[in-house]
Amino acid sequence: EDELQRMWILRKLLHGMEDMPAIEFLLDKLKDTKTNHEFFMSMRRK
């Protein structure tokens, strides 16, 4: 459930961005983590 809530936050953030900057932002953040769970948990720290 915690990951689902974070997914919605991420979707809202990306929705407000242009396509390419949103993709670049997401890829940049995903490069720092090995799993989806780790990615969503990293959102807490930022």
PDB file of N, CA and C in Angstrom:
ATOM      1  N   GLU A   1       0.831  -1.197   0.000  1.00  0.00           N
ATOM      2  CA  GLU A   1       0.000   0.000   0.000  1.00  0.00           C
ATOM      3  C   GLU A   1       0.869   1.252   0.000  1.00  0.00           C
ATOM      4  N   ASP A   2       1.968   1.207   0.731  1.00  0.00           N
ATOM      5  CA  ASP A   2       2.881   2.343   0.770  1.00  0.00           C
ATOM      6  C   ASP A   2       3.454   2.615  -0.623  1.00  0.00           C
ATOM      7  N   GLU A   3       3.813   1.551  -1.342  1.00  0.00           N
ATOM      8  CA  GLU A   3       4.341   1.715  -2.697  1.00  0.00           C
ATOM      9  C   GLU A   3       3.271   2.254  -3.644  1.00  0.00           C
ATOM     10  N   LEU A   4       2.047   1.822  -3.466  1.00  0.00           N
ATOM     11  CA  LEU A   4       0.959   2.318  -4.309  1.00  0.00           C
ATOM     12  C   LEU A   4       0.773   3.821  -4.113  1.00  0.00           C
ATOM     13  N   GLN A   5       0.820   4.259  -2.879  1.00  0.00           N
ATOM     14  CA  GLN A   5       0.682   5.688  -2.593  1.00  0.00           C
ATOM     15  C   GLN A   5       1.834   6.468  -3.235  1.00  0.00           C
ATOM     16  N   ARG A   6       3.019   5.924  -3.161  1.00  0.00           N
ATOM     17  CA  ARG A   6       4.176   6.580  -3.775  1.00  0.00           C
ATOM     18  C   ARG A   6       4.048   6.597  -5.300  1.00  0.00           C
ATOM     19  N   MET A   7       3.466   5.553  -5.866  1.00  0.00           N
ATOM     20  CA  MET A   7       3.242   5.502  -7.309  1.00  0.00           C
ATOM     21  C   MET A   7       2.328   6.643  -7.742  1.00  0.00           C
ATOM     22  N   TRP A   8       1.267   6.887  -6.987  1.00  0.00           N
ATOM     23  CA  TRP A   8       0.356   7.974  -7.325  1.00  0.00           C
ATOM     24  C   TRP A   8       1.044   9.332  -7.220  1.00  0.00           C
ATOM     25  N   ILE A   9       1.886   9.498  -6.216  1.00  0.00           N
ATOM     26  CA  ILE A   9       2.639  10.748  -6.081  1.00  0.00           C
ATOM     27  C   ILE A   9       3.550  10.933  -7.290  1.00  0.00           C
ATOM     28  N   LEU A  10       4.231   9.872  -7.680  1.00  0.00           N
ATOM     29  CA  LEU A  10       5.117   9.926  -8.844  1.00  0.00           C
ATOM     30  C   LEU A  10       4.331  10.243 -10.114  1.00  0.00           C
ATOM     31  N   ARG A  11       3.185   9.619 -10.276  1.00  0.00           N
ATOM     32  CA  ARG A  11       2.356   9.875 -11.467  1.00  0.00           C
ATOM     33  C   ARG A  11       1.928  11.332 -11.535  1.00  0.00           C
ATOM     34  N   LYS A  12       1.546  11.899 -10.397  1.00  0.00           N
ATOM     35  CA  LYS A  12       1.142  13.310 -10.368  1.00  0.00           C
ATOM     36  C   LYS A  12       2.314  14.214 -10.721  1.00  0.00           C
ATOM     37  N   LEU A  13       3.493  13.880 -10.216  1.00  0.00           N
ATOM     38  CA  LEU A  13       4.688  14.663 -10.518  1.00  0.00           C
ATOM     39  C   LEU A  13       5.004  14.606 -12.008  1.00  0.00           C
ATOM     40  N   LEU A  14       5.013  13.407 -12.575  1.00  0.00           N
ATOM     41  CA  LEU A  14       5.360  13.238 -13.984  1.00  0.00           C
ATOM     42  C   LEU A  14       4.299  13.825 -14.913  1.00  0.00           C
ATOM     43  N   HIS A  15       3.055  13.808 -14.490  1.00  0.00           N
ATOM     44  CA  HIS A  15       1.965  14.335 -15.320  1.00  0.00           C
ATOM     45  C   HIS A  15       2.157  15.826 -15.607  1.00  0.00           C
ATOM     46  N   GLY A  16       2.734  16.534 -14.660  1.00  0.00           N
ATOM     47  CA  GLY A  16       2.931  17.969 -14.826  1.00  0.00           C
ATOM     48  C   GLY A  16       4.159  18.338 -15.638  1.00  0.00           C
ATOM     49  N   MET A  17       4.874  17.350 -16.141  1.00  0.00           N
ATOM     50  CA  MET A  17       6.109  17.600 -16.885  1.00  0.00           C
ATOM     51  C   MET A  17       5.917  17.292 -18.367  1.00  0.00           C
ATOM     52  N   GLU A  18       6.772  17.900 -19.195  1.00  0.00           N
ATOM     53  CA  GLU A  18       6.814  17.545 -20.613  1.00  0.00           C
ATOM     54  C   GLU A  18       7.330  16.113 -20.733  1.00  0.00           C
ATOM     55  N   ASP A  19       7.065  15.460 -21.866  1.00  0.00           N
ATOM     56  CA  ASP A  19       7.408  14.045 -22.038  1.00  0.00           C
ATOM     57  C   ASP A  19       8.890  13.735 -21.836  1.00  0.00           C
ATOM     58  N   MET A  20       9.748  14.387 -22.594  1.00  0.00           N
ATOM     59  CA  MET A  20      11.180  14.057 -22.526  1.00  0.00           C
ATOM     60  C   MET A  20      11.788  14.371 -21.163  1.00  0.00           C
ATOM     61  N   PRO A  21      11.522  15.539 -20.578  1.00  0.00           N
ATOM     62  CA  PRO A  21      12.064  15.785 -19.237  1.00  0.00           C
ATOM     63  C   PRO A  21      11.551  14.776 -18.207  1.00  0.00           C
ATOM     64  N   ALA A  22      10.311  14.341 -18.346  1.00  0.00           N
ATOM     65  CA  ALA A  22       9.754  13.354 -17.417  1.00  0.00           C
ATOM     66  C   ALA A  22      10.471  12.014 -17.561  1.00  0.00           C
ATOM     67  N   ILE A  23      10.716  11.599 -18.801  1.00  0.00           N
ATOM     68  CA  ILE A  23      11.416  10.334 -19.042  1.00  0.00           C
ATOM     69  C   ILE A  23      12.845  10.412 -18.515  1.00  0.00           C
ATOM     70  N   GLU A  24      13.518  11.521 -18.797  1.00  0.00           N
ATOM     71  CA  GLU A  24      14.893  11.686 -18.327  1.00  0.00           C
ATOM     72  C   GLU A  24      14.955  11.706 -16.803  1.00  0.00           C
ATOM     73  N   PHE A  25      14.006  12.381 -16.164  1.00  0.00           N
ATOM     74  CA  PHE A  25      13.943  12.431 -14.705  1.00  0.00           C
ATOM     75  C   PHE A  25      13.767  11.029 -14.137  1.00  0.00           C
ATOM     76  N   LEU A  26      12.817  10.292 -14.684  1.00  0.00           N
ATOM     77  CA  LEU A  26      12.527   8.950 -14.188  1.00  0.00           C
ATOM     78  C   LEU A  26      13.716   8.007 -14.399  1.00  0.00           C
ATOM     79  N   LEU A  27      14.303   8.030 -15.568  1.00  0.00           N
ATOM     80  CA  LEU A  27      15.459   7.170 -15.837  1.00  0.00           C
ATOM     81  C   LEU A  27      16.635   7.512 -14.932  1.00  0.00           C
ATOM     82  N   ASP A  28      16.850   8.792 -14.704  1.00  0.00           N
ATOM     83  CA  ASP A  28      17.936   9.221 -13.823  1.00  0.00           C
ATOM     84  C   ASP A  28      17.730   8.689 -12.409  1.00  0.00           C
ATOM     85  N   LYS A  29      16.508   8.750 -11.916  1.00  0.00           N
ATOM     86  CA  LYS A  29      16.207   8.258 -10.566  1.00  0.00           C
ATOM     87  C   LYS A  29      16.284   6.733 -10.499  1.00  0.00           C
ATOM     88  N   LEU A  30      15.847   6.059 -11.552  1.00  0.00           N
ATOM     89  CA  LEU A  30      15.867   4.593 -11.556  1.00  0.00           C
ATOM     90  C   LEU A  30      17.289   4.033 -11.615  1.00  0.00           C
ATOM     91  N   LYS A  31      18.200   4.771 -12.205  1.00  0.00           N
ATOM     92  CA  LYS A  31      19.588   4.310 -12.294  1.00  0.00           C
ATOM     93  C   LYS A  31      20.227   4.160 -10.919  1.00  0.00           C
ATOM     94  N   ASP A  32      19.719   4.893  -9.937  1.00  0.00           N
ATOM     95  CA  ASP A  32      20.294   4.869  -8.587  1.00  0.00           C
ATOM     96  C   ASP A  32      19.812   3.688  -7.757  1.00  0.00           C
ATOM     97  N   THR A  33      18.849   2.916  -8.255  1.00  0.00           N
ATOM     98  CA  THR A  33      18.283   1.811  -7.475  1.00  0.00           C
ATOM     99  C   THR A  33      18.289   0.525  -8.293  1.00  0.00           C
ATOM    100  N   LYS A  34      18.243  -0.605  -7.589  1.00  0.00           N
ATOM    101  CA  LYS A  34      18.276  -1.909  -8.259  1.00  0.00           C
ATOM    102  C   LYS A  34      16.893  -2.524  -8.424  1.00  0.00           C
ATOM    103  N   THR A  35      15.947  -2.146  -7.571  1.00  0.00           N
ATOM    104  CA  THR A  35      14.600  -2.715  -7.636  1.00  0.00           C
ATOM    105  C   THR A  35      13.561  -1.604  -7.559  1.00  0.00           C
ATOM    106  N   ASN A  36      12.343  -1.925  -7.958  1.00  0.00           N
ATOM    107  CA  ASN A  36      11.252  -0.958  -7.835  1.00  0.00           C
ATOM    108  C   ASN A  36      11.015  -0.599  -6.377  1.00  0.00           C
ATOM    109  N   HIS A  37      11.062  -1.607  -5.514  1.00  0.00           N
ATOM    110  CA  HIS A  37      10.853  -1.358  -4.086  1.00  0.00           C
ATOM    111  C   HIS A  37      11.900  -0.372  -3.558  1.00  0.00           C
ATOM    112  N   GLU A  38      13.135  -0.594  -3.914  1.00  0.00           N
ATOM    113  CA  GLU A  38      14.209   0.306  -3.488  1.00  0.00           C
ATOM    114  C   GLU A  38      13.971   1.715  -4.039  1.00  0.00           C
ATOM    115  N   PHE A  39      13.510   1.800  -5.278  1.00  0.00           N
ATOM    116  CA  PHE A  39      13.208   3.098  -5.885  1.00  0.00           C
ATOM    117  C   PHE A  39      12.139   3.836  -5.090  1.00  0.00           C
ATOM    118  N   PHE A  40      11.048   3.149  -4.783  1.00  0.00           N
ATOM    119  CA  PHE A  40       9.970   3.806  -4.049  1.00  0.00           C
ATOM    120  C   PHE A  40      10.384   4.172  -2.632  1.00  0.00           C
ATOM    121  N   MET A  41      11.188   3.347  -2.010  1.00  0.00           N
ATOM    122  CA  MET A  41      11.660   3.664  -0.670  1.00  0.00           C
ATOM    123  C   MET A  41      12.635   4.842  -0.694  1.00  0.00           C
ATOM    124  N   SER A  42      13.333   5.028  -1.799  1.00  0.00           N
ATOM    125  CA  SER A  42      14.251   6.164  -1.906  1.00  0.00           C
ATOM    126  C   SER A  42      13.491   7.481  -1.980  1.00  0.00           C
ATOM    127  N   MET A  43      12.241   7.444  -2.391  1.00  0.00           N
ATOM    128  CA  MET A  43      11.431   8.660  -2.448  1.00  0.00           C
ATOM    129  C   MET A  43      11.243   9.244  -1.056  1.00  0.00           C
ATOM    130  N   ARG A  44      11.264   8.422  -0.062  1.00  0.00           N
ATOM    131  CA  ARG A  44      11.088   8.874   1.316  1.00  0.00           C
ATOM    132  C   ARG A  44      12.255   9.753   1.746  1.00  0.00           C
ATOM    133  N   ARG A  45      13.450   9.403   1.293  1.00  0.00           N
ATOM    134  CA  ARG A  45      14.662  10.085   1.728  1.00  0.00           C
ATOM    135  C   ARG A  45      14.865  11.428   1.052  1.00  0.00           C
ATOM    136  N   LYS A  46      14.182  11.698  -0.023  1.00  0.00           N
ATOM    137  CA  LYS A  46      14.453  12.909  -0.796  1.00  0.00           C
ATOM    138  C   LYS A  46      13.466  14.000  -0.484  1.00  0.00           C
TER     139      LYS A  46
END
